[in-house]
C-alpha atoms as a PDB file:
ATOM      1  CA  UNK A   1      99.969 109.605 102.362  1.00  0.00           C
ATOM      2  CA  UNK A   2     101.885 106.400 103.034  1.00  0.00           C
ATOM      3  CA  UNK A   3     105.056 107.889 104.446  1.00  0.00           C
ATOM      4  CA  UNK A   4     103.783 110.897 106.339  1.00  0.00           C
ATOM      5  CA  UNK A   5     105.788 110.002 109.473  1.00  0.00           C
ATOM      6  CA  UNK A   6     108.995 109.889 107.439  1.00  0.00           C
ATOM      7  CA  UNK A   7     108.163 113.200 105.783  1.00  0.00           C
ATOM      8  CA  UNK A   8     107.456 114.947 109.085  1.00  0.00           C
ATOM      9  CA  UNK A   9     110.598 113.452 110.663  1.00  0.00           C
ATOM     10  CA  UNK A  10     112.710 114.711 107.771  1.00  0.00           C
ATOM     11  CA  UNK A  11     111.156 118.173 107.786  1.00  0.00           C
ATOM     12  CA  UNK A  12     111.537 118.462 111.548  1.00  0.00           C
ATOM     13  CA  UNK A  13     115.217 117.508 111.299  1.00  0.00           C
ATOM     14  CA  UNK A  14     115.720 119.967 108.450  1.00  0.00           C
ATOM     15  CA  UNK A  15     114.233 122.972 110.215  1.00  0.00           C
ATOM     16  CA  UNK A  16     115.694 122.113 113.619  1.00  0.00           C
ATOM     17  CA  UNK A  17     119.142 121.844 112.078  1.00  0.00           C
ATOM     18  CA  UNK A  18     118.646 125.114 110.197  1.00  0.00           C
ATOM     19  CA  UNK A  19     117.510 126.907 113.347  1.00  0.00           C
ATOM     20  CA  UNK A  20     120.388 125.583 115.433  1.00  0.00           C
ATOM     21  CA  UNK A  21     123.080 126.449 112.907  1.00  0.00           C
ATOM     22  CA  UNK A  22     121.642 129.876 112.137  1.00  0.00           C
ATOM     23  CA  UNK A  23     121.466 130.611 115.861  1.00  0.00           C
ATOM     24  CA  UNK A  24     125.138 129.734 116.229  1.00  0.00           C
ATOM     25  CA  UNK A  25     126.010 131.591 113.021  1.00  0.00           C
ATOM     26  CA  UNK A  26     124.495 134.852 114.247  1.00  0.00           C
ATOM     27  CA  UNK A  27     127.297 135.066 116.778  1.00  0.00           C
ATOM     28  CA  UNK A  28     129.907 135.106 113.990  1.00  0.00           C
ATOM     29  CA  UNK A  29     130.095 137.000 110.730  1.00  0.00           C
ATOM     30  CA  UNK A  30     127.272 136.643 108.226  1.00  0.00           C
ATOM     31  CA  UNK A  31     128.557 135.827 104.744  1.00  0.00           C
ATOM     32  CA  UNK A  32     126.906 134.070 101.840  1.00  0.00           C
ATOM     33  CA  UNK A  33     129.171 131.007 101.783  1.00  0.00           C
ATOM     34  CA  UNK A  34     128.261 130.155 105.379  1.00  0.00           C
ATOM     35  CA  UNK A  35     124.551 130.458 104.656  1.00  0.00           C
ATOM     36  CA  UNK A  36     124.780 128.161 101.629  1.00  0.00           C
ATOM     37  CA  UNK A  37     126.799 125.684 103.688  1.00  0.00           C
ATOM     38  CA  UNK A  38     124.174 125.737 106.436  1.00  0.00           C
ATOM     39  CA  UNK A  39     121.359 125.131 103.970  1.00  0.00           C
ATOM     40  CA  UNK A  40     123.288 122.312 102.279  1.00  0.00           C
ATOM     41  CA  UNK A  41     124.093 120.611 105.572  1.00  0.00           C
ATOM     42  CA  UNK A  42     120.504 120.949 106.734  1.00  0.00           C
ATOM     43  CA  UNK A  43     119.174 119.423 103.525  1.00  0.00           C
ATOM     44  CA  UNK A  44     121.519 116.475 103.968  1.00  0.00           C
ATOM     45  CA  UNK A  45     120.419 115.957 107.578  1.00  0.00           C
ATOM     46  CA  UNK A  46     116.727 116.224 106.672  1.00  0.00           C
ATOM     47  CA  UNK A  47     117.069 113.805 103.760  1.00  0.00           C
ATOM     48  CA  UNK A  48     119.012 111.336 105.900  1.00  0.00           C
ATOM     49  CA  UNK A  49     116.363 111.316 108.615  1.00  0.00           C
ATOM     50  CA  UNK A  50     113.622 110.933 105.987  1.00  0.00           C
ATOM     51  CA  UNK A  51     115.413 107.972 104.369  1.00  0.00           C
ATOM     52  CA  UNK A  52     116.094 106.334 107.724  1.00  0.00           C
ATOM     53  CA  UNK A  53     112.427 106.597 108.702  1.00  0.00           C
ATOM     54  CA  UNK A  54     111.344 105.174 105.329  1.00  0.00           C
ATOM     55  CA  UNK A  55     113.833 102.319 105.783  1.00  0.00           C
ATOM     56  CA  UNK A  56     112.489 101.564 109.266  1.00  0.00           C
ATOM     57  CA  UNK A  57     108.910 101.633 107.954  1.00  0.00           C
ATOM     58  CA  UNK A  58     109.819  99.271 105.118  1.00  0.00           C
ATOM     59  CA  UNK A  59     111.346  96.753 107.545  1.00  0.00           C
ATOM     60  CA  UNK A  60     108.109  96.457 109.532  1.00  0.00           C
ATOM     61  CA  UNK A  61     106.275  93.186 108.872  1.00  0.00           C
ATOM     62  CA  UNK A  62     103.012  94.934 108.013  1.00  0.00           C
ATOM     63  CA  UNK A  63     104.618  97.368 105.524  1.00  0.00           C
ATOM     64  CA  UNK A  64     102.787  97.740 102.240  1.00  0.00           C
ATOM     65  CA  UNK A  65     104.680  99.132  99.248  1.00  0.00           C
END
Protein backbone atom coordinates (compact mmCIF):
# COMPACT_ATOMS: atom_id res chain seq x y z
CA UNK A 1 0.00 0.00 0.00
CA UNK A 2 1.38 3.39 -0.99
CA UNK A 3 -0.05 5.46 1.83
CA UNK A 4 0.07 3.07 4.75
CA UNK A 5 1.71 5.66 7.04
CA UNK A 6 -1.10 8.12 6.34
CA UNK A 7 -3.71 5.44 6.96
CA UNK A 8 -2.19 4.39 10.28
CA UNK A 9 -1.78 8.03 11.36
CA UNK A 10 -5.43 8.73 10.58
CA UNK A 11 -6.68 5.60 12.33
CA UNK A 12 -4.53 6.30 15.38
CA UNK A 13 -5.90 9.85 15.59
CA UNK A 14 -9.45 8.57 15.16
CA UNK A 15 -9.31 5.98 17.93
CA UNK A 16 -7.25 8.14 20.29
CA UNK A 17 -9.76 10.95 19.92
CA UNK A 18 -12.66 8.54 20.44
CA UNK A 19 -11.06 7.09 23.56
CA UNK A 20 -10.29 10.49 25.04
CA UNK A 21 -13.74 11.93 24.45
CA UNK A 22 -15.55 8.81 25.63
CA UNK A 23 -13.42 8.80 28.78
CA UNK A 24 -14.42 12.38 29.49
CA UNK A 25 -18.03 11.68 28.52
CA UNK A 26 -18.38 8.86 31.05
CA UNK A 27 -18.16 11.45 33.79
CA UNK A 28 -21.28 13.22 32.47
CA UNK A 29 -24.62 11.92 31.30
CA UNK A 30 -24.73 9.39 28.48
CA UNK A 31 -27.18 10.40 25.76
CA UNK A 32 -27.30 9.54 22.09
CA UNK A 33 -26.65 13.05 20.75
CA UNK A 34 -23.34 13.24 22.62
CA UNK A 35 -22.23 9.88 21.28
CA UNK A 36 -23.02 10.86 17.68
CA UNK A 37 -21.19 14.15 18.20
CA UNK A 38 -18.14 12.31 19.54
CA UNK A 39 -18.09 9.92 16.60
CA UNK A 40 -18.50 12.79 14.12
CA UNK A 41 -15.72 14.83 15.70
CA UNK A 42 -13.43 11.81 15.80
CA UNK A 43 -14.05 11.05 12.13
CA UNK A 44 -13.17 14.63 11.25
CA UNK A 45 -9.95 14.50 13.29
CA UNK A 46 -8.95 11.14 11.80
CA UNK A 47 -9.64 12.29 8.24
CA UNK A 48 -7.73 15.52 8.80
CA UNK A 49 -4.65 13.70 10.07
CA UNK A 50 -4.87 11.24 7.16
CA UNK A 51 -5.08 14.07 4.61
CA UNK A 52 -2.24 15.98 6.24
CA UNK A 53 0.01 12.91 6.14
CA UNK A 54 -0.89 12.28 2.48
CA UNK A 55 -0.13 15.94 1.71
CA UNK A 56 3.25 15.70 3.44
CA UNK A 57 4.05 12.49 1.55
CA UNK A 58 3.10 14.10 -1.76
CA UNK A 59 5.44 17.05 -1.13
CA UNK A 60 8.47 14.78 -0.72
CA UNK A 61 10.79 14.88 -3.74
CA UNK A 62 10.77 11.10 -4.16
CA UNK A 63 6.95 10.81 -4.04
CA UNK A 64 5.43 8.61 -6.72
CA UNK A 65 1.74 9.04 -7.54
